[in-house]
Amino acid sequence: MPDPTPAPIRVVVVDDEPLARDCVRLALEADPDFELVAECGDGRAAVDAIRRHRPDLVFLDVQMPGLDGFEVIEAVGADRMPAVVFVTAFDAYAVRAFRAHALDYLLKPFDDSRFAETRRRARQLLLESRAGETERRLSALLAGRAFATRLLVRHGDRLEFLAVADVDWFEGAGNYVRAHAGTRSELIRITLAALLQRLDPTTFARIHRSVIVNLDRVRAMHPWYGGDYTAVLADGRELRVSRHYRAALLRTVG
């Protein structure tokens, strides 16, 4: 008697950009081996959906306001997390650091052929029921995160990369961050707190609730009123250092 048809691979899609979720959903609808059980626009909703639906596979955005992709894995737990395909705007160099720990990754913007490759890989590995492999990969991932070397910025319909090393300082504004790199100023859709977790702490430090500075650009520190300081950058710009972050910054630059 022939074996019964395998159950579809149950999928949760997590991305704060509706267009990105649409692209993944439409690509999955073309394949009967996959069943979309939930879509989420932020990390907290993703944690709830993963716990409730217990999917086989999660397409997980790395960069999101609130909980980012790595924090979603931590919240669910590597031992309870399903297989993961990372969807990321990080550059190819950075994703190599976690490529071996996820089932696959998709670099935004991805095309149909790249997504078809991901579907084939997911189908092969998940239908083979490689028990325990997901936990091992995700535990290894959380033990060694990669820092971003480039950031994706949008100019109309065009996407460009901005080298993190070129940024002098970042300025937070709600769910967006403005990157200042010499005369260049770029708006990035991410919170300041989420961005800070993706930056190398030996190079970037938060000096105010709305400012992250490149420590290589700091040339001097001057006392200011009420226990605050000002950080003087190489181009002469002065940035306020609040008392809350002063001690940590002085330890870093000292």
Protein backbone atom coordinates (compact mmCIF):
# COMPACT_ATOMS: atom_id res chain seq x y z
CA MET A 1 0.00 0.00 0.00
CA PRO A 2 1.56 3.39 -0.94
CA ASP A 3 2.67 5.79 1.77
CA PRO A 4 0.19 8.58 2.54
CA THR A 5 0.97 12.00 1.09
CA PRO A 6 3.16 13.92 3.54
CA ALA A 7 1.43 16.73 5.40
CA PRO A 8 2.23 20.22 4.08
CA ILE A 9 5.09 22.13 5.65
CA ARG A 10 3.41 24.65 7.95
CA VAL A 11 4.92 28.12 7.66
CA VAL A 12 4.89 31.40 9.59
CA VAL A 13 6.13 34.52 7.76
CA VAL A 14 7.59 37.34 9.87
CA ASP A 15 8.55 40.71 8.37
CA ASP A 16 7.67 44.27 9.31
CA GLU A 17 7.45 45.24 5.62
CA PRO A 18 4.05 44.25 4.13
CA LEU A 19 5.54 44.05 0.63
CA ALA A 20 8.15 41.53 1.78
CA ARG A 21 5.44 39.39 3.42
CA ASP A 22 3.40 39.54 0.20
CA CYS A 23 6.37 38.31 -1.84
CA VAL A 24 6.92 35.30 0.43
CA ARG A 25 3.21 34.47 0.65
CA LEU A 26 2.68 34.56 -3.11
CA ALA A 27 5.73 32.39 -3.70
CA LEU A 28 4.51 29.82 -1.16
CA GLU A 29 0.98 29.71 -2.57
CA ALA A 30 2.39 28.29 -5.80
CA ASP A 31 3.67 25.18 -4.00
CA PRO A 32 1.19 22.69 -2.43
CA ASP A 33 3.91 21.31 -0.15
CA PHE A 34 3.73 24.51 1.93
CA GLU A 35 0.86 25.86 4.03
CA LEU A 36 0.95 29.41 5.38
CA VAL A 37 -0.55 29.40 8.89
CA ALA A 38 0.29 32.94 10.05
CA GLU A 39 1.82 36.26 9.02
CA CYS A 40 3.37 38.65 11.54
CA GLY A 41 4.55 42.23 11.24
CA ASP A 42 6.72 42.36 14.35
CA GLY A 43 8.79 40.16 16.63
CA ARG A 44 6.39 39.98 19.56
CA ALA A 45 3.54 38.82 17.35
CA ALA A 46 5.94 36.27 15.84
CA VAL A 47 6.75 34.76 19.24
CA ASP A 48 3.01 34.37 19.97
CA ALA A 49 2.31 32.86 16.54
CA ILE A 50 5.17 30.37 16.78
CA ARG A 51 4.04 29.24 20.21
CA ARG A 52 0.40 28.98 19.12
CA HIS A 53 0.75 27.38 15.68
CA ARG A 54 3.95 25.35 16.18
CA PRO A 55 4.96 25.65 12.53
CA ASP A 56 7.61 23.57 10.78
CA LEU A 57 9.31 26.58 9.21
CA VAL A 58 9.61 30.32 9.83
CA PHE A 59 10.64 32.93 7.29
CA LEU A 60 12.13 35.41 9.74
CA ASP A 61 13.23 38.98 9.08
CA VAL A 62 16.46 39.89 10.88
CA GLN A 63 15.92 43.65 11.18
CA MET A 64 12.65 44.63 12.87
CA PRO A 65 11.55 47.26 15.39
CA GLY A 66 10.96 45.89 18.88
CA LEU A 67 12.16 42.28 18.90
CA ASP A 68 14.49 41.54 16.01
CA GLY A 69 14.92 38.10 14.45
CA PHE A 70 17.60 36.98 16.89
CA GLU A 71 15.50 38.06 19.88
CA VAL A 72 12.54 36.11 18.51
CA ILE A 73 14.68 32.96 18.59
CA GLU A 74 15.82 33.75 22.13
CA ALA A 75 12.24 34.36 23.30
CA VAL A 76 10.92 31.12 21.81
CA GLY A 77 14.02 29.14 22.77
CA ALA A 78 16.37 27.33 20.40
CA ASP A 79 15.02 23.98 21.62
CA ARG A 80 11.44 24.95 20.66
CA MET A 81 12.16 27.05 17.58
CA PRO A 82 11.20 25.55 14.21
CA ALA A 83 13.54 25.62 11.23
CA VAL A 84 14.40 29.16 10.13
CA VAL A 85 14.97 30.85 6.81
CA PHE A 86 16.39 34.31 7.52
CA VAL A 87 15.15 37.16 5.35
CA THR A 88 17.69 39.95 5.62
CA ALA A 89 19.00 43.16 4.12
CA PHE A 90 22.49 42.44 5.50
CA ASP A 91 25.27 42.15 2.99
CA ALA A 92 26.57 38.78 1.78
CA TYR A 93 29.67 38.95 3.97
CA ALA A 94 27.65 39.27 7.17
CA VAL A 95 25.18 36.52 6.33
CA ARG A 96 27.98 34.00 5.86
CA ALA A 97 28.42 34.05 9.64
CA PHE A 98 24.94 32.62 10.23
CA ARG A 99 24.31 30.85 6.93
CA ALA A 100 25.52 27.54 8.36
CA HIS A 101 23.21 27.86 11.37
CA ALA A 102 19.91 28.45 9.59
CA LEU A 103 18.14 26.24 7.09
CA ASP A 104 18.75 28.98 4.52
CA TYR A 105 18.70 32.75 4.08
CA LEU A 106 17.20 35.17 1.57
CA LEU A 107 18.97 38.44 0.86
CA LYS A 108 16.54 41.26 0.08
CA PRO A 109 15.51 41.87 -2.62
CA PHE A 110 15.33 38.22 -3.75
CA ASP A 111 14.09 36.88 -7.09
CA ASP A 112 11.86 33.90 -7.99
CA SER A 113 14.75 31.55 -8.75
CA ARG A 114 16.42 32.23 -5.41
CA PHE A 115 13.16 31.62 -3.55
CA ALA A 116 12.59 28.40 -5.49
CA GLU A 117 16.01 27.22 -4.32
CA THR A 118 15.01 27.95 -0.73
CA ARG A 119 11.75 26.00 -1.14
CA ARG A 120 13.62 22.99 -2.51
CA ARG A 121 16.09 23.08 0.36
CA ALA A 122 13.34 23.41 2.97
CA ARG A 123 11.32 20.60 1.44
CA GLN A 124 14.28 18.25 1.35
CA LEU A 125 15.49 18.88 4.89
CA LEU A 126 12.12 19.11 6.62
CA LEU A 127 10.54 16.12 4.93
CA GLU A 128 13.60 14.13 5.94
CA SER A 129 12.74 15.04 9.57
CA ARG A 130 16.23 15.93 10.72
CA ALA A 131 15.34 15.93 14.42
CA GLY A 132 17.61 17.97 16.67
CA GLU A 133 19.41 19.73 13.81
CA THR A 134 17.39 22.94 14.12
CA GLU A 135 18.22 23.35 17.80
CA ARG A 136 21.93 22.79 17.18
CA ARG A 137 22.03 25.34 14.37
CA LEU A 138 20.10 28.04 16.25
CA SER A 139 22.08 27.59 19.46
CA ALA A 140 25.28 28.03 17.48
CA LEU A 141 23.83 31.10 15.80
CA LEU A 142 22.97 32.83 19.06
CA ALA A 143 26.45 32.09 20.40
CA GLY A 144 28.13 33.96 17.56
CA ARG A 145 26.16 36.75 15.97
CA ALA A 146 27.63 38.72 13.10
CA PHE A 147 27.83 42.50 13.19
CA ALA A 148 26.50 44.46 10.24
CA THR A 149 29.09 45.84 7.85
CA ARG A 150 26.61 47.53 5.50
CA LEU A 151 23.11 48.94 5.87
CA LEU A 152 20.42 48.99 3.21
CA VAL A 153 18.98 52.42 2.39
CA ARG A 154 16.23 53.30 -0.06
CA HIS A 155 16.27 56.01 -2.73
CA GLY A 156 12.83 55.97 -4.32
CA ASP A 157 12.56 52.59 -6.05
CA ARG A 158 16.30 51.95 -5.77
CA LEU A 159 18.09 50.19 -2.90
CA GLU A 160 21.67 51.08 -2.01
CA PHE A 161 24.15 49.97 0.62
CA LEU A 162 25.85 52.29 3.11
CA ALA A 163 29.08 51.04 4.69
CA VAL A 164 28.75 51.07 8.48
CA ALA A 165 32.40 52.14 8.84
CA ASP A 166 31.59 55.35 6.91
CA VAL A 167 28.94 56.47 9.41
CA ASP A 168 29.97 59.19 11.88
CA TRP A 169 26.85 59.00 14.02
CA PHE A 170 23.26 57.75 14.05
CA GLU A 171 20.26 59.78 15.13
CA GLY A 172 17.08 58.01 16.26
CA ALA A 173 13.56 59.16 15.38
CA GLY A 174 10.87 56.67 16.41
CA ASN A 175 10.99 53.61 14.15
CA TYR A 176 13.61 55.25 11.93
CA VAL A 177 17.27 56.12 12.24
CA ARG A 178 19.17 58.78 10.30
CA ALA A 179 22.75 57.82 9.47
CA HIS A 180 25.19 60.72 9.13
CA ALA A 181 28.25 59.89 7.02
CA GLY A 182 30.21 62.99 6.11
CA THR A 183 27.92 65.08 3.91
CA ARG A 184 25.65 62.09 3.31
CA SER A 185 22.48 61.65 5.38
CA GLU A 186 20.35 58.51 5.00
CA LEU A 187 17.10 57.40 6.63
CA ILE A 188 16.89 53.72 7.66
CA ARG A 189 13.75 51.91 8.84
CA ILE A 190 14.89 50.48 12.18
CA THR A 191 14.80 51.62 15.80
CA LEU A 192 17.96 52.91 17.43
CA ALA A 193 17.89 50.10 20.01
CA ALA A 194 17.59 47.40 17.34
CA LEU A 195 20.37 48.97 15.29
CA LEU A 196 22.69 49.11 18.30
CA GLN A 197 22.48 45.34 18.68
CA ARG A 198 23.71 44.89 15.11
CA LEU A 199 26.72 47.21 15.53
CA ASP A 200 30.16 46.26 16.84
CA PRO A 201 30.28 47.58 20.44
CA THR A 202 34.03 48.20 20.16
CA THR A 203 33.31 50.76 17.42
CA PHE A 204 29.85 52.20 18.17
CA ALA A 205 28.39 53.40 21.47
CA ARG A 206 25.13 54.98 22.54
CA ILE A 207 25.78 58.40 24.08
CA HIS A 208 22.21 59.68 24.33
CA ARG A 209 18.75 58.14 24.12
CA SER A 210 18.63 59.28 20.49
CA VAL A 211 22.30 59.11 19.41
CA ILE A 212 24.86 56.39 18.60
CA VAL A 213 28.38 57.56 17.76
CA ASN A 214 31.27 55.99 15.88
CA LEU A 215 34.01 55.98 18.53
CA ASP A 216 36.70 56.29 15.87
CA ARG A 217 35.32 59.77 15.10
CA VAL A 218 35.47 61.04 18.71
CA ARG A 219 38.43 63.37 19.17
CA ALA A 220 37.67 64.95 22.56
CA MET A 221 35.27 64.95 25.50
CA HIS A 222 34.33 68.17 27.30
CA PRO A 223 32.34 68.54 30.55
CA TRP A 224 28.93 70.19 30.15
CA TYR A 225 26.16 71.34 32.45
CA GLY A 226 24.53 69.04 35.00
CA GLY A 227 27.06 66.24 34.68
CA ASP A 228 26.63 65.85 30.93
CA TYR A 229 29.53 65.91 28.44
CA THR A 230 29.94 66.84 24.81
CA ALA A 231 31.74 64.55 22.38
CA VAL A 232 33.71 66.44 19.74
CA LEU A 233 33.96 64.59 16.43
CA ALA A 234 36.77 64.79 13.88
CA ASP A 235 34.75 67.23 11.74
CA GLY A 236 34.19 69.55 14.71
CA ARG A 237 30.58 68.54 15.35
CA GLU A 238 29.64 68.38 19.03
CA LEU A 239 27.21 65.74 20.30
CA ARG A 240 25.69 65.71 23.75
CA VAL A 241 26.63 62.80 26.03
CA SER A 242 23.97 62.31 28.70
CA ARG A 243 24.83 61.34 32.26
CA HIS A 244 23.12 57.98 31.79
CA TYR A 245 25.64 56.93 29.12
CA ARG A 246 28.66 58.99 30.22
CA ALA A 247 30.40 56.43 32.42
CA ALA A 248 30.14 53.62 29.87
CA LEU A 249 31.45 55.87 27.11
CA LEU A 250 34.40 57.09 29.16
CA ARG A 251 35.35 53.47 29.94
CA THR A 252 35.15 52.64 26.25
CA VAL A 253 37.27 55.52 24.97
CA GLY A 254 39.60 55.43 27.96
